[in-house]
């Protein structure tokens, strides 16, 4: 994990409250994970789609900010493939797909511990400039 990712995660209350861990972060590639708890489930007893989206968005944030240059999501869409349940360990991997100027497109795959796709996300970030943290 880069210093920028560590600093960003330290200030990310939502990710920390959800138990999201940053496994790997470098410019253009990040891997984050979490385990589904009862508090993350919806009325049907499966992981809430918004929580899955948050996990994927966190991965994209670390892939796009790891070089210590501020970037924010501008758009993203999600395809839910299968349900996740209490106790499932989920892994989100964000990869840069294309970059043009300050705009970057990311593909994020959320898988379970068996490697089965749970969700697919495509998002875009805009590089704003400025440091994520001051060294």
C-alpha atoms as a PDB file:
ATOM      1  CA  UNK A   1       0.000   0.000   0.000  1.00  0.00           C
ATOM      2  CA  UNK A   2       1.290   3.461  -0.824  1.00  0.00           C
ATOM      3  CA  UNK A   3       1.576   6.249   1.746  1.00  0.00           C
ATOM      4  CA  UNK A   4      -1.286   8.034  -0.022  1.00  0.00           C
ATOM      5  CA  UNK A   5      -3.531   4.978   0.311  1.00  0.00           C
ATOM      6  CA  UNK A   6      -2.636   4.561   3.970  1.00  0.00           C
ATOM      7  CA  UNK A   7      -3.405   8.223   4.681  1.00  0.00           C
ATOM      8  CA  UNK A   8      -6.684   8.071   2.767  1.00  0.00           C
ATOM      9  CA  UNK A   9      -7.799   4.874   4.537  1.00  0.00           C
ATOM     10  CA  UNK A  10      -6.972   6.358   7.929  1.00  0.00           C
ATOM     11  CA  UNK A  11      -9.459   9.181   7.211  1.00  0.00           C
ATOM     12  CA  UNK A  12     -12.142   6.923   5.637  1.00  0.00           C
ATOM     13  CA  UNK A  13     -14.590   6.314   8.477  1.00  0.00           C
ATOM     14  CA  UNK A  14     -17.059   4.417   6.271  1.00  0.00           C
ATOM     15  CA  UNK A  15     -14.475   1.910   5.035  1.00  0.00           C
ATOM     16  CA  UNK A  16     -13.111   1.374   8.524  1.00  0.00           C
ATOM     17  CA  UNK A  17     -16.615   0.912  10.015  1.00  0.00           C
ATOM     18  CA  UNK A  18     -17.393  -1.696   7.352  1.00  0.00           C
ATOM     19  CA  UNK A  19     -14.139  -3.495   8.126  1.00  0.00           C
ATOM     20  CA  UNK A  20     -12.728  -2.907   4.654  1.00  0.00           C
ATOM     21  CA  UNK A  21      -9.047  -3.772   4.479  1.00  0.00           C
ATOM     22  CA  UNK A  22      -6.666  -2.478   1.837  1.00  0.00           C
ATOM     23  CA  UNK A  23      -4.689  -5.491   0.631  1.00  0.00           C
ATOM     24  CA  UNK A  24      -2.828  -3.819  -2.210  1.00  0.00           C
ATOM     25  CA  UNK A  25      -2.720  -0.325  -3.702  1.00  0.00           C
ATOM     26  CA  UNK A  26      -0.586   1.078  -6.469  1.00  0.00           C
ATOM     27  CA  UNK A  27      -1.436   3.535  -9.224  1.00  0.00           C
ATOM     28  CA  UNK A  28      -4.027   1.855 -11.434  1.00  0.00           C
ATOM     29  CA  UNK A  29      -4.495  -1.282  -9.321  1.00  0.00           C
ATOM     30  CA  UNK A  30      -6.010  -1.852  -5.905  1.00  0.00           C
ATOM     31  CA  UNK A  31      -7.361  -4.836  -3.990  1.00  0.00           C
ATOM     32  CA  UNK A  32      -9.619  -4.394  -0.960  1.00  0.00           C
ATOM     33  CA  UNK A  33     -11.667  -6.873   1.055  1.00  0.00           C
ATOM     34  CA  UNK A  34     -14.284  -7.254   3.758  1.00  0.00           C
ATOM     35  CA  UNK A  35     -16.366  -9.926   5.423  1.00  0.00           C
ATOM     36  CA  UNK A  36     -20.157  -9.603   5.259  1.00  0.00           C
ATOM     37  CA  UNK A  37     -21.747  -9.111   8.687  1.00  0.00           C
ATOM     38  CA  UNK A  38     -25.406  -9.202   9.716  1.00  0.00           C
ATOM     39  CA  UNK A  39     -25.421  -5.386   9.852  1.00  0.00           C
ATOM     40  CA  UNK A  40     -24.628  -5.365   6.096  1.00  0.00           C
ATOM     41  CA  UNK A  41     -27.655  -7.434   5.062  1.00  0.00           C
ATOM     42  CA  UNK A  42     -30.946  -6.245   3.644  1.00  0.00           C
ATOM     43  CA  UNK A  43     -34.484  -7.439   4.405  1.00  0.00           C
ATOM     44  CA  UNK A  44     -33.926 -10.587   2.342  1.00  0.00           C
ATOM     45  CA  UNK A  45     -30.874 -11.616   4.365  1.00  0.00           C
ATOM     46  CA  UNK A  46     -28.281 -10.955   1.656  1.00  0.00           C
ATOM     47  CA  UNK A  47     -25.556  -8.329   1.496  1.00  0.00           C
ATOM     48  CA  UNK A  48     -27.089  -4.960   0.647  1.00  0.00           C
ATOM     49  CA  UNK A  49     -26.241  -3.814  -2.877  1.00  0.00           C
ATOM     50  CA  UNK A  50     -25.107  -0.447  -1.560  1.00  0.00           C
ATOM     51  CA  UNK A  51     -22.516  -2.136   0.639  1.00  0.00           C
ATOM     52  CA  UNK A  52     -21.177  -4.067  -2.371  1.00  0.00           C
ATOM     53  CA  UNK A  53     -21.025  -0.790  -4.287  1.00  0.00           C
ATOM     54  CA  UNK A  54     -19.140   0.838  -1.404  1.00  0.00           C
ATOM     55  CA  UNK A  55     -16.564  -1.959  -1.415  1.00  0.00           C
ATOM     56  CA  UNK A  56     -16.033  -1.543  -5.174  1.00  0.00           C
ATOM     57  CA  UNK A  57     -15.892   2.253  -4.904  1.00  0.00           C
ATOM     58  CA  UNK A  58     -13.257   1.962  -2.183  1.00  0.00           C
ATOM     59  CA  UNK A  59     -11.100  -0.195  -4.461  1.00  0.00           C
ATOM     60  CA  UNK A  60     -11.457   2.348  -7.283  1.00  0.00           C
ATOM     61  CA  UNK A  61     -10.563   5.176  -4.901  1.00  0.00           C
ATOM     62  CA  UNK A  62      -7.317   3.503  -3.891  1.00  0.00           C
ATOM     63  CA  UNK A  63      -6.370   2.634  -7.480  1.00  0.00           C
ATOM     64  CA  UNK A  64      -6.955   6.236  -8.553  1.00  0.00           C
ATOM     65  CA  UNK A  65      -5.337   8.009  -5.575  1.00  0.00           C
ATOM     66  CA  UNK A  66      -2.363   5.724  -4.847  1.00  0.00           C
ATOM     67  CA  UNK A  67       0.052   8.044  -6.677  1.00  0.00           C
ATOM     68  CA  UNK A  68      -0.786  10.825  -4.164  1.00  0.00           C
ATOM     69  CA  UNK A  69      -2.758  12.906  -6.654  1.00  0.00           C
ATOM     70  CA  UNK A  70      -6.387  13.567  -5.698  1.00  0.00           C
ATOM     71  CA  UNK A  71      -9.069  11.943  -7.853  1.00  0.00           C
ATOM     72  CA  UNK A  72     -12.803  11.544  -7.286  1.00  0.00           C
ATOM     73  CA  UNK A  73     -15.392   9.224  -8.816  1.00  0.00           C
ATOM     74  CA  UNK A  74     -17.609  10.903 -11.385  1.00  0.00           C
ATOM     75  CA  UNK A  75     -19.753   7.952 -12.430  1.00  0.00           C
ATOM     76  CA  UNK A  76     -20.124   4.232 -11.879  1.00  0.00           C
ATOM     77  CA  UNK A  77     -22.539   1.445 -12.686  1.00  0.00           C
ATOM     78  CA  UNK A  78     -22.881  -1.964 -11.081  1.00  0.00           C
ATOM     79  CA  UNK A  79     -24.091  -5.345 -12.232  1.00  0.00           C
ATOM     80  CA  UNK A  80     -24.994  -7.663  -9.365  1.00  0.00           C
ATOM     81  CA  UNK A  81     -24.171 -11.220 -10.418  1.00  0.00           C
ATOM     82  CA  UNK A  82     -24.958 -13.275  -7.335  1.00  0.00           C
ATOM     83  CA  UNK A  83     -25.803 -12.734  -3.678  1.00  0.00           C
ATOM     84  CA  UNK A  84     -23.348 -12.525  -0.818  1.00  0.00           C
ATOM     85  CA  UNK A  85     -24.350 -13.709   2.640  1.00  0.00           C
ATOM     86  CA  UNK A  86     -23.246 -13.286   6.238  1.00  0.00           C
ATOM     87  CA  UNK A  87     -19.713 -14.614   6.659  1.00  0.00           C
ATOM     88  CA  UNK A  88     -18.758 -14.322   2.984  1.00  0.00           C
ATOM     89  CA  UNK A  89     -15.326 -12.791   2.489  1.00  0.00           C
ATOM     90  CA  UNK A  90     -15.458 -10.442  -0.503  1.00  0.00           C
ATOM     91  CA  UNK A  91     -12.549  -9.125  -2.534  1.00  0.00           C
ATOM     92  CA  UNK A  92     -12.786  -6.113  -4.854  1.00  0.00           C
ATOM     93  CA  UNK A  93     -10.077  -5.608  -7.457  1.00  0.00           C
ATOM     94  CA  UNK A  94      -9.933  -2.310  -9.369  1.00  0.00           C
ATOM     95  CA  UNK A  95      -7.884  -1.990 -12.545  1.00  0.00           C
ATOM     96  CA  UNK A  96      -7.402   1.027 -14.763  1.00  0.00           C
ATOM     97  CA  UNK A  97      -8.879   0.237 -18.145  1.00  0.00           C
ATOM     98  CA  UNK A  98      -8.215   3.496 -20.004  1.00  0.00           C
ATOM     99  CA  UNK A  99      -6.978   6.983 -19.309  1.00  0.00           C
ATOM    100  CA  UNK A 100      -7.440  10.142 -21.320  1.00  0.00           C
ATOM    101  CA  UNK A 101      -6.299  13.411 -19.847  1.00  0.00           C
ATOM    102  CA  UNK A 102      -7.712  13.745 -16.341  1.00  0.00           C
ATOM    103  CA  UNK A 103     -10.403  11.068 -16.920  1.00  0.00           C
ATOM    104  CA  UNK A 104      -9.763   7.434 -16.070  1.00  0.00           C
ATOM    105  CA  UNK A 105     -12.013   4.410 -16.573  1.00  0.00           C
ATOM    106  CA  UNK A 106     -11.790   1.566 -14.056  1.00  0.00           C
ATOM    107  CA  UNK A 107     -13.139  -1.978 -14.058  1.00  0.00           C
ATOM    108  CA  UNK A 108     -13.817  -3.405 -10.612  1.00  0.00           C
ATOM    109  CA  UNK A 109     -14.618  -7.057  -9.973  1.00  0.00           C
ATOM    110  CA  UNK A 110     -16.055  -8.159  -6.636  1.00  0.00           C
ATOM    111  CA  UNK A 111     -15.548 -11.858  -5.949  1.00  0.00           C
ATOM    112  CA  UNK A 112     -16.187 -14.202  -3.041  1.00  0.00           C
ATOM    113  CA  UNK A 113     -13.553 -16.423  -1.436  1.00  0.00           C
ATOM    114  CA  UNK A 114     -14.235 -19.123  -4.062  1.00  0.00           C
ATOM    115  CA  UNK A 115     -13.397 -16.644  -6.835  1.00  0.00           C
ATOM    116  CA  UNK A 116     -17.007 -16.415  -8.047  1.00  0.00           C
ATOM    117  CA  UNK A 117     -18.060 -13.014  -9.387  1.00  0.00           C
ATOM    118  CA  UNK A 118     -20.503 -11.271  -7.057  1.00  0.00           C
ATOM    119  CA  UNK A 119     -20.587  -7.893  -8.833  1.00  0.00           C
ATOM    120  CA  UNK A 120     -18.998  -6.094 -11.765  1.00  0.00           C
ATOM    121  CA  UNK A 121     -18.525  -2.333 -11.691  1.00  0.00           C
ATOM    122  CA  UNK A 122     -17.303   0.122 -14.276  1.00  0.00           C
ATOM    123  CA  UNK A 123     -16.456   3.555 -12.970  1.00  0.00           C
ATOM    124  CA  UNK A 124     -14.802   6.753 -13.999  1.00  0.00           C
ATOM    125  CA  UNK A 125     -12.642   9.119 -11.975  1.00  0.00           C
ATOM    126  CA  UNK A 126     -11.524  12.675 -12.549  1.00  0.00           C
ATOM    127  CA  UNK A 127      -8.035  13.659 -11.422  1.00  0.00           C
ATOM    128  CA  UNK A 128      -8.304  16.979  -9.599  1.00  0.00           C
ATOM    129  CA  UNK A 129      -4.656  17.471  -8.773  1.00  0.00           C
ATOM    130  CA  UNK A 130      -3.209  18.288  -5.411  1.00  0.00           C
ATOM    131  CA  UNK A 131      -1.866  15.813  -2.916  1.00  0.00           C
ATOM    132  CA  UNK A 132      -3.887  13.228  -1.014  1.00  0.00           C
ATOM    133  CA  UNK A 133      -1.497  13.854   1.876  1.00  0.00           C
ATOM    134  CA  UNK A 134       1.487  16.075   2.512  1.00  0.00           C
ATOM    135  CA  UNK A 135       4.673  14.080   2.925  1.00  0.00           C
END
